[in-house]
Structure formats: C-alpha cells, structure tokens
PDB file of all heavy atoms in Angstrom:
ATOM      1  N   SER A   1      11.119  42.486 226.781  1.00  0.00           N
ATOM      2  CA  SER A   1      11.477  41.077 227.001  1.00  0.00           C
ATOM      3  C   SER A   1      11.439  40.294 225.693  1.00  0.00           C
ATOM      4  O   SER A   1      12.164  39.302 225.530  1.00  0.00           O
ATOM      5  CB  SER A   1      10.531  40.436 228.019  1.00  0.00           C
ATOM      6  OG  SER A   1       9.184  40.499 227.556  1.00  0.00           O
ATOM      7  N   LEU A   2      10.614  40.739 224.749  1.00  0.00           N
ATOM      8  CA  LEU A   2      10.527  40.056 223.463  1.00  0.00           C
ATOM      9  C   LEU A   2      11.812  40.227 222.661  1.00  0.00           C
ATOM     10  O   LEU A   2      12.221  39.326 221.918  1.00  0.00           O
ATOM     11  CB  LEU A   2       9.336  40.584 222.663  1.00  0.00           C
ATOM     12  CG  LEU A   2       7.959  40.465 223.316  1.00  0.00           C
ATOM     13  CD1 LEU A   2       6.898  41.102 222.425  1.00  0.00           C
ATOM     14  CD2 LEU A   2       7.602  39.005 223.596  1.00  0.00           C
ATOM     15  N   ALA A   3      12.449  41.395 222.802  1.00  0.00           N
ATOM     16  CA  ALA A   3      13.679  41.654 222.056  1.00  0.00           C
ATOM     17  C   ALA A   3      14.795  40.705 222.466  1.00  0.00           C
ATOM     18  O   ALA A   3      15.685  40.399 221.660  1.00  0.00           O
ATOM     19  CB  ALA A   3      14.115  43.104 222.262  1.00  0.00           C
ATOM     20  N   LYS A   4      14.759  40.223 223.699  1.00  0.00           N
ATOM     21  CA  LYS A   4      15.794  39.309 224.177  1.00  0.00           C
ATOM     22  C   LYS A   4      15.816  38.017 223.372  1.00  0.00           C
ATOM     23  O   LYS A   4      16.866  37.374 223.242  1.00  0.00           O
ATOM     24  CB  LYS A   4      15.580  39.006 225.665  1.00  0.00           C
ATOM     25  CG  LYS A   4      16.699  38.198 226.312  1.00  0.00           C
ATOM     26  CD  LYS A   4      16.464  38.041 227.803  1.00  0.00           C
ATOM     27  CE  LYS A   4      17.618  37.293 228.458  1.00  0.00           C
ATOM     28  NZ  LYS A   4      17.777  35.917 227.951  1.00  0.00           N
ATOM     29  N   ARG A   5      14.694  37.634 222.808  1.00  0.00           N
ATOM     30  CA  ARG A   5      14.628  36.417 221.987  1.00  0.00           C
ATOM     31  C   ARG A   5      15.606  36.512 220.807  1.00  0.00           C
ATOM     32  O   ARG A   5      16.263  35.534 220.457  1.00  0.00           O
ATOM     33  CB  ARG A   5      13.211  36.201 221.464  1.00  0.00           C
ATOM     34  CG  ARG A   5      12.175  35.843 222.515  1.00  0.00           C
ATOM     35  CD  ARG A   5      12.330  34.420 222.973  1.00  0.00           C
ATOM     36  NE  ARG A   5      11.189  33.967 223.773  1.00  0.00           N
ATOM     37  CZ  ARG A   5      11.121  32.785 224.377  1.00  0.00           C
ATOM     38  NH1 ARG A   5      12.144  31.931 224.261  1.00  0.00           N
ATOM     39  NH2 ARG A   5      10.062  32.441 225.076  1.00  0.00           N
ATOM     40  N   PHE A   6      15.670  37.690 220.198  1.00  0.00           N
ATOM     41  CA  PHE A   6      16.581  37.874 219.059  1.00  0.00           C
ATOM     42  C   PHE A   6      18.037  37.849 219.518  1.00  0.00           C
ATOM     43  O   PHE A   6      18.893  37.241 218.877  1.00  0.00           O
ATOM     44  CB  PHE A   6      16.267  39.185 218.335  1.00  0.00           C
ATOM     45  CG  PHE A   6      14.907  39.214 217.706  1.00  0.00           C
ATOM     46  CD1 PHE A   6      13.839  39.818 218.355  1.00  0.00           C
ATOM     47  CD2 PHE A   6      14.692  38.642 216.459  1.00  0.00           C
ATOM     48  CE1 PHE A   6      12.579  39.854 217.776  1.00  0.00           C
ATOM     49  CE2 PHE A   6      13.431  38.665 215.877  1.00  0.00           C
ATOM     50  CZ  PHE A   6      12.373  39.272 216.537  1.00  0.00           C
ATOM     51  N   ALA A   7      18.309  38.523 220.633  1.00  0.00           N
ATOM     52  CA  ALA A   7      19.677  38.545 221.166  1.00  0.00           C
ATOM     53  C   ALA A   7      20.136  37.140 221.518  1.00  0.00           C
ATOM     54  O   ALA A   7      21.298  36.766 221.274  1.00  0.00           O
ATOM     55  CB  ALA A   7      19.744  39.454 222.393  1.00  0.00           C
ATOM     56  N   ASP A   8      19.239  36.337 222.081  1.00  0.00           N
ATOM     57  CA  ASP A   8      19.585  34.960 222.445  1.00  0.00           C
ATOM     58  C   ASP A   8      19.925  34.117 221.219  1.00  0.00           C
ATOM     59  O   ASP A   8      20.644  33.121 221.326  1.00  0.00           O
ATOM     60  CB  ASP A   8      18.442  34.305 223.218  1.00  0.00           C
ATOM     61  CG  ASP A   8      18.284  34.876 224.624  1.00  0.00           C
ATOM     62  OD1 ASP A   8      19.206  35.578 225.078  1.00  0.00           O
ATOM     63  OD2 ASP A   8      17.228  34.633 225.250  1.00  0.00           O
ATOM     64  N   GLU A   9      19.404  34.502 220.053  1.00  0.00           N
ATOM     65  CA  GLU A   9      19.707  33.805 218.802  1.00  0.00           C
ATOM     66  C   GLU A   9      20.946  34.364 218.120  1.00  0.00           C
ATOM     67  O   GLU A   9      21.312  33.919 217.023  1.00  0.00           O
ATOM     68  CB  GLU A   9      18.513  33.901 217.841  1.00  0.00           C
ATOM     69  CG  GLU A   9      17.370  32.958 218.160  1.00  0.00           C
ATOM     70  CD  GLU A   9      17.711  31.499 217.903  1.00  0.00           C
ATOM     71  OE1 GLU A   9      18.609  31.225 217.082  1.00  0.00           O
ATOM     72  OE2 GLU A   9      17.088  30.629 218.538  1.00  0.00           O
ATOM     73  N   GLY A  10      21.555  35.362 218.731  1.00  0.00           N
ATOM     74  CA  GLY A  10      22.757  35.936 218.162  1.00  0.00           C
ATOM     75  C   GLY A  10      22.502  36.844 216.977  1.00  0.00           C
ATOM     76  O   GLY A  10      23.337  36.967 216.084  1.00  0.00           O
ATOM     77  N   THR A  11      21.352  37.495 216.994  1.00  0.00           N
ATOM     78  CA  THR A  11      21.022  38.389 215.884  1.00  0.00           C
ATOM     79  C   THR A  11      20.210  39.571 216.394  1.00  0.00           C
ATOM     80  O   THR A  11      19.946  39.699 217.598  1.00  0.00           O
ATOM     81  CB  THR A  11      20.246  37.629 214.785  1.00  0.00           C
ATOM     82  OG1 THR A  11      20.123  38.463 213.634  1.00  0.00           O
ATOM     83  CG2 THR A  11      18.869  37.192 215.263  1.00  0.00           C
ATOM     84  N   ALA A  12      19.827  40.449 215.482  1.00  0.00           N
ATOM     85  CA  ALA A  12      18.953  41.576 215.794  1.00  0.00           C
ATOM     86  C   ALA A  12      17.701  41.445 214.953  1.00  0.00           C
ATOM     87  O   ALA A  12      17.740  40.946 213.822  1.00  0.00           O
ATOM     88  CB  ALA A  12      19.653  42.900 215.494  1.00  0.00           C
ATOM     89  N   GLY A  13      16.589  41.891 215.511  1.00  0.00           N
ATOM     90  CA  GLY A  13      15.334  41.792 214.776  1.00  0.00           C
ATOM     91  C   GLY A  13      14.224  42.515 215.489  1.00  0.00           C
ATOM     92  O   GLY A  13      14.446  43.193 216.505  1.00  0.00           O
ATOM     93  N   THR A  14      13.020  42.376 214.961  1.00  0.00           N
ATOM     94  CA  THR A  14      11.855  43.012 215.566  1.00  0.00           C
ATOM     95  C   THR A  14      10.630  42.135 215.369  1.00  0.00           C
ATOM     96  O   THR A  14      10.555  41.358 214.400  1.00  0.00           O
ATOM     97  CB  THR A  14      11.617  44.414 214.979  1.00  0.00           C
ATOM     98  OG1 THR A  14      10.585  45.075 215.724  1.00  0.00           O
ATOM     99  CG2 THR A  14      11.209  44.360 213.519  1.00  0.00           C
ATOM    100  N   PHE A  15       9.695  42.267 216.286  1.00  0.00           N
ATOM    101  CA  PHE A  15       8.436  41.515 216.227  1.00  0.00           C
ATOM    102  C   PHE A  15       7.311  42.450 216.630  1.00  0.00           C
ATOM    103  O   PHE A  15       7.423  43.203 217.599  1.00  0.00           O
ATOM    104  CB  PHE A  15       8.480  40.325 217.185  1.00  0.00           C
ATOM    105  CG  PHE A  15       7.147  39.641 217.386  1.00  0.00           C
ATOM    106  CD1 PHE A  15       6.717  38.667 216.487  1.00  0.00           C
ATOM    107  CD2 PHE A  15       6.329  39.973 218.460  1.00  0.00           C
ATOM    108  CE1 PHE A  15       5.487  38.034 216.665  1.00  0.00           C
ATOM    109  CE2 PHE A  15       5.103  39.342 218.644  1.00  0.00           C
ATOM    110  CZ  PHE A  15       4.689  38.375 217.739  1.00  0.00           C
ATOM    111  N   VAL A  16       6.219  42.394 215.864  1.00  0.00           N
ATOM    112  CA  VAL A  16       5.007  43.130 216.215  1.00  0.00           C
ATOM    113  C   VAL A  16       3.827  42.183 216.079  1.00  0.00           C
ATOM    114  O   VAL A  16       3.687  41.496 215.060  1.00  0.00           O
ATOM    115  CB  VAL A  16       4.795  44.357 215.309  1.00  0.00           C
ATOM    116  CG1 VAL A  16       3.547  45.134 215.753  1.00  0.00           C
ATOM    117  CG2 VAL A  16       6.004  45.272 215.329  1.00  0.00           C
ATOM    118  N   GLY A  17       3.004  42.125 217.111  1.00  0.00           N
ATOM    119  CA  GLY A  17       1.786  41.320 217.067  1.00  0.00           C
ATOM    120  C   GLY A  17       0.570  42.195 217.333  1.00  0.00           C
ATOM    121  O   GLY A  17       0.619  43.074 218.197  1.00  0.00           O
ATOM    122  N   TYR A  18      -0.490  41.965 216.591  1.00  0.00           N
ATOM    123  CA  TYR A  18      -1.739  42.701 216.784  1.00  0.00           C
ATOM    124  C   TYR A  18      -2.812  41.714 217.209  1.00  0.00           C
ATOM    125  O   TYR A  18      -3.279  40.894 216.418  1.00  0.00           O
ATOM    126  CB  TYR A  18      -2.139  43.423 215.499  1.00  0.00           C
ATOM    127  CG  TYR A  18      -3.557  43.976 215.517  1.00  0.00           C
ATOM    128  CD1 TYR A  18      -4.026  44.716 216.603  1.00  0.00           C
ATOM    129  CD2 TYR A  18      -4.420  43.752 214.446  1.00  0.00           C
ATOM    130  CE1 TYR A  18      -5.319  45.204 216.614  1.00  0.00           C
ATOM    131  CE2 TYR A  18      -5.714  44.242 214.458  1.00  0.00           C
ATOM    132  CZ  TYR A  18      -6.165  44.963 215.544  1.00  0.00           C
ATOM    133  OH  TYR A  18      -7.449  45.444 215.578  1.00  0.00           O
ATOM    134  N   LYS A  19      -3.192  41.760 218.486  1.00  0.00           N
ATOM    135  CA  LYS A  19      -4.234  40.890 219.029  1.00  0.00           C
ATOM    136  C   LYS A  19      -5.585  41.522 218.709  1.00  0.00           C
ATOM    137  O   LYS A  19      -5.998  42.500 219.341  1.00  0.00           O
ATOM    138  CB  LYS A  19      -4.028  40.685 220.528  1.00  0.00           C
ATOM    139  CG  LYS A  19      -2.651  40.124 220.875  1.00  0.00           C
ATOM    140  CD  LYS A  19      -2.545  39.669 222.319  1.00  0.00           C
ATOM    141  CE  LYS A  19      -3.218  38.324 222.498  1.00  0.00           C
ATOM    142  NZ  LYS A  19      -3.019  37.769 223.868  1.00  0.00           N
ATOM    143  N   THR A  20      -6.249  40.947 217.723  1.00  0.00           N
ATOM    144  CA  THR A  20      -7.399  41.618 217.126  1.00  0.00           C
ATOM    145  C   THR A  20      -8.576  41.748 218.091  1.00  0.00           C
ATOM    146  O   THR A  20      -9.290  42.751 218.052  1.00  0.00           O
ATOM    147  CB  THR A  20      -7.851  40.885 215.848  1.00  0.00           C
ATOM    148  OG1 THR A  20      -8.279  39.553 216.180  1.00  0.00           O
ATOM    149  CG2 THR A  20      -6.706  40.809 214.850  1.00  0.00           C
ATOM    150  N   ASP A  21      -8.804  40.763 218.941  1.00  0.00           N
ATOM    151  CA  ASP A  21      -9.933  40.835 219.870  1.00  0.00           C
ATOM    152  C   ASP A  21      -9.728  41.915 220.930  1.00  0.00           C
ATOM    153  O   ASP A  21     -10.696  42.507 221.425  1.00  0.00           O
ATOM    154  CB  ASP A  21     -10.165  39.487 220.547  1.00  0.00           C
ATOM    155  CG  ASP A  21     -10.799  38.475 219.615  1.00  0.00           C
ATOM    156  OD1 ASP A  21     -11.207  38.875 218.511  1.00  0.00           O
ATOM    157  OD2 ASP A  21     -10.864  37.286 219.980  1.00  0.00           O
ATOM    158  N   ASP A  22      -8.473  42.150 221.286  1.00  0.00           N
ATOM    159  CA  ASP A  22      -8.158  43.123 222.333  1.00  0.00           C
ATOM    160  C   ASP A  22      -7.805  44.494 221.758  1.00  0.00           C
ATOM    161  O   ASP A  22      -7.567  45.433 222.519  1.00  0.00           O
ATOM    162  CB  ASP A  22      -6.978  42.634 223.175  1.00  0.00           C
ATOM    163  CG  ASP A  22      -7.271  41.313 223.873  1.00  0.00           C
ATOM    164  OD1 ASP A  22      -8.448  41.078 224.201  1.00  0.00           O
ATOM    165  OD2 ASP A  22      -6.329  40.531 224.074  1.00  0.00           O
ATOM    166  N   TYR A  23      -7.740  44.601 220.417  1.00  0.00           N
ATOM    167  CA  TYR A  23      -7.283  45.838 219.767  1.00  0.00           C
ATOM    168  C   TYR A  23      -5.944  46.277 220.352  1.00  0.00           C
ATOM    169  O   TYR A  23      -5.710  47.461 220.612  1.00  0.00           O
ATOM    170  CB  TYR A  23      -8.316  46.965 219.897  1.00  0.00           C
ATOM    171  CG  TYR A  23      -9.716  46.546 219.529  1.00  0.00           C
ATOM    172  CD1 TYR A  23     -10.789  46.821 220.366  1.00  0.00           C
ATOM    173  CD2 TYR A  23      -9.959  45.875 218.341  1.00  0.00           C
ATOM    174  CE1 TYR A  23     -12.084  46.434 220.030  1.00  0.00           C
ATOM    175  CE2 TYR A  23     -11.241  45.481 217.996  1.00  0.00           C
ATOM    176  CZ  TYR A  23     -12.300  45.754 218.847  1.00  0.00           C
ATOM    177  OH  TYR A  23     -13.576  45.363 218.501  1.00  0.00           O
ATOM    178  N   LEU A  24      -5.065  45.283 220.568  1.00  0.00           N
ATOM    179  CA  LEU A  24      -3.793  45.535 221.243  1.00  0.00           C
ATOM    180  C   LEU A  24      -2.625  45.210 220.322  1.00  0.00           C
ATOM    181  O   LEU A  24      -2.530  44.101 219.790  1.00  0.00           O
ATOM    182  CB  LEU A  24      -3.696  44.680 222.515  1.00  0.00           C
ATOM    183  CG  LEU A  24      -2.365  44.740 223.266  1.00  0.00           C
ATOM    184  CD1 LEU A  24      -2.099  46.156 223.777  1.00  0.00           C
ATOM    185  CD2 LEU A  24      -2.373  43.727 224.417  1.00  0.00           C
ATOM    186  N   ILE A  25      -1.742  46.199 220.121  1.00  0.00           N
ATOM    187  CA  ILE A  25      -0.523  46.015 219.348  1.00  0.00           C
ATOM    188  C   ILE A  25       0.638  45.891 220.320  1.00  0.00           C
ATOM    189  O   ILE A  25       0.849  46.771 221.164  1.00  0.00           O
ATOM    190  CB  ILE A  25      -0.290  47.207 218.395  1.00  0.00           C
ATOM    191  CG1 ILE A  25      -1.456  47.332 217.413  1.00  0.00           C
ATOM    192  CG2 ILE A  25       1.024  47.052 217.643  1.00  0.00           C
ATOM    193  CD1 ILE A  25      -1.482  48.641 216.662  1.00  0.00           C
ATOM    194  N   ILE A  26       1.382  44.804 220.204  1.00  0.00           N
ATOM    195  CA  ILE A  26       2.519  44.541 221.080  1.00  0.00           C
ATOM    196  C   ILE A  26       3.773  44.475 220.222  1.00  0.00           C
ATOM    197  O   ILE A  26       3.814  43.727 219.241  1.00  0.00           O
ATOM    198  CB  ILE A  26       2.345  43.207 221.836  1.00  0.00           C
ATOM    199  CG1 ILE A  26       1.039  43.223 222.642  1.00  0.00           C
ATOM    200  CG2 ILE A  26       3.537  42.948 222.751  1.00  0.00           C
ATOM    201  CD1 ILE A  26       0.650  41.857 223.189  1.00  0.00           C
ATOM    202  N   ALA A  27       4.784  45.259 220.574  1.00  0.00           N
ATOM    203  CA  ALA A  27       6.018  45.279 219.806  1.00  0.00           C
ATOM    204  C   ALA A  27       7.210  45.028 220.704  1.00  0.00           C
ATOM    205  O   ALA A  27       7.190  45.328 221.903  1.00  0.00           O
ATOM    206  CB  ALA A  27       6.189  46.615 219.089  1.00  0.00           C
ATOM    207  N   SER A  28       8.256  44.480 220.102  1.00  0.00           N
ATOM    208  CA  SER A  28       9.473  44.196 220.858  1.00  0.00           C
ATOM    209  C   SER A  28      10.333  45.444 221.028  1.00  0.00           C
ATOM    210  O   SER A  28      11.252  45.451 221.856  1.00  0.00           O
ATOM    211  CB  SER A  28      10.286  43.110 220.145  1.00  0.00           C
ATOM    212  OG  SER A  28      10.685  43.540 218.852  1.00  0.00           O
ATOM    213  N   ASP A  29      10.079  46.485 220.250  1.00  0.00           N
ATOM    214  CA  ASP A  29      10.898  47.697 220.299  1.00  0.00           C
ATOM    215  C   ASP A  29      10.139  48.839 219.638  1.00  0.00           C
ATOM    216  O   ASP A  29       9.147  48.609 218.937  1.00  0.00           O
ATOM    217  CB  ASP A  29      12.231  47.478 219.573  1.00  0.00           C
ATOM    218  CG  ASP A  29      12.006  47.222 218.089  1.00  0.00           C
ATOM    219  OD1 ASP A  29      11.754  46.068 217.697  1.00  0.00           O
ATOM    220  OD2 ASP A  29      12.052  48.205 217.326  1.00  0.00           O
ATOM    221  N   ALA A  30      10.630  50.056 219.845  1.00  0.00           N
ATOM    222  CA  ALA A  30       9.986  51.231 219.267  1.00  0.00           C
ATOM    223  C   ALA A  30      10.669  51.716 218.003  1.00  0.00           C
ATOM    224  O   ALA A  30      10.119  52.564 217.299  1.00  0.00           O
ATOM    225  CB  ALA A  30       9.983  52.369 220.295  1.00  0.00           C
ATOM    226  N   GLN A  31      11.851  51.192 217.692  1.00  0.00           N
ATOM    227  CA  GLN A  31      12.603  51.706 216.557  1.00  0.00           C
ATOM    228  C   GLN A  31      12.480  50.818 215.324  1.00  0.00           C
ATOM    229  O   GLN A  31      11.902  51.211 214.309  1.00  0.00           O
ATOM    230  CB  GLN A  31      14.087  51.862 216.929  1.00  0.00           C
ATOM    231  CG  GLN A  31      14.968  52.377 215.800  1.00  0.00           C
ATOM    232  CD  GLN A  31      14.578  53.764 215.339  1.00  0.00           C
ATOM    233  OE1 GLN A  31      14.224  54.615 216.152  1.00  0.00           O
ATOM    234  NE2 GLN A  31      14.622  53.992 214.033  1.00  0.00           N
ATOM    235  N   ARG A  32      13.008  49.589 215.408  1.00  0.00           N
ATOM    236  CA  ARG A  32      13.075  48.754 214.215  1.00  0.00           C
ATOM    237  C   ARG A  32      11.687  48.361 213.719  1.00  0.00           C
ATOM    238  O   ARG A  32      11.507  48.083 212.527  1.00  0.00           O
ATOM    239  CB  ARG A  32      13.929  47.515 214.484  1.00  0.00           C
ATOM    240  CG  ARG A  32      14.090  46.620 213.258  1.00  0.00           C
ATOM    241  CD  ARG A  32      15.249  45.675 213.404  1.00  0.00           C
ATOM    242  NE  ARG A  32      15.274  44.693 212.330  1.00  0.00           N
ATOM    243  CZ  ARG A  32      16.360  44.050 211.920  1.00  0.00           C
ATOM    244  NH1 ARG A  32      17.527  44.283 212.499  1.00  0.00           N
ATOM    245  NH2 ARG A  32      16.284  43.179 210.938  1.00  0.00           N
ATOM    246  N   SER A  33      10.705  48.343 214.608  1.00  0.00           N
ATOM    247  CA  SER A  33       9.344  48.004 214.191  1.00  0.00           C
ATOM    248  C   SER A  33       8.837  48.949 213.114  1.00  0.00           C
ATOM    249  O   SER A  33       7.945  48.603 212.345  1.00  0.00           O
ATOM    250  CB  SER A  33       8.398  48.023 215.387  1.00  0.00           C
ATOM    251  OG  SER A  33       8.426  49.306 216.012  1.00  0.00           O
TER     252      SER A  33
END
C-alpha cells in the first residue's frame, strides 16, 4: 500500500522505515529498496 503513494504522484520510488522500539523494518517493496 505504501508503493501506491509513489504511483499516485506519477513516479516510481521506494520507502523503508525502521521503527526502532519495535525492531520492525517496513518497506514499500522488495526490489527497489
């Protein structure tokens, strides 16, 4: 669902967030990241 943000802007991209308290890495995709 995060990848849709880039498509809605008319471009391609990637986002990765690391929530340090949860030791959780969240990515918009498995490739471009």
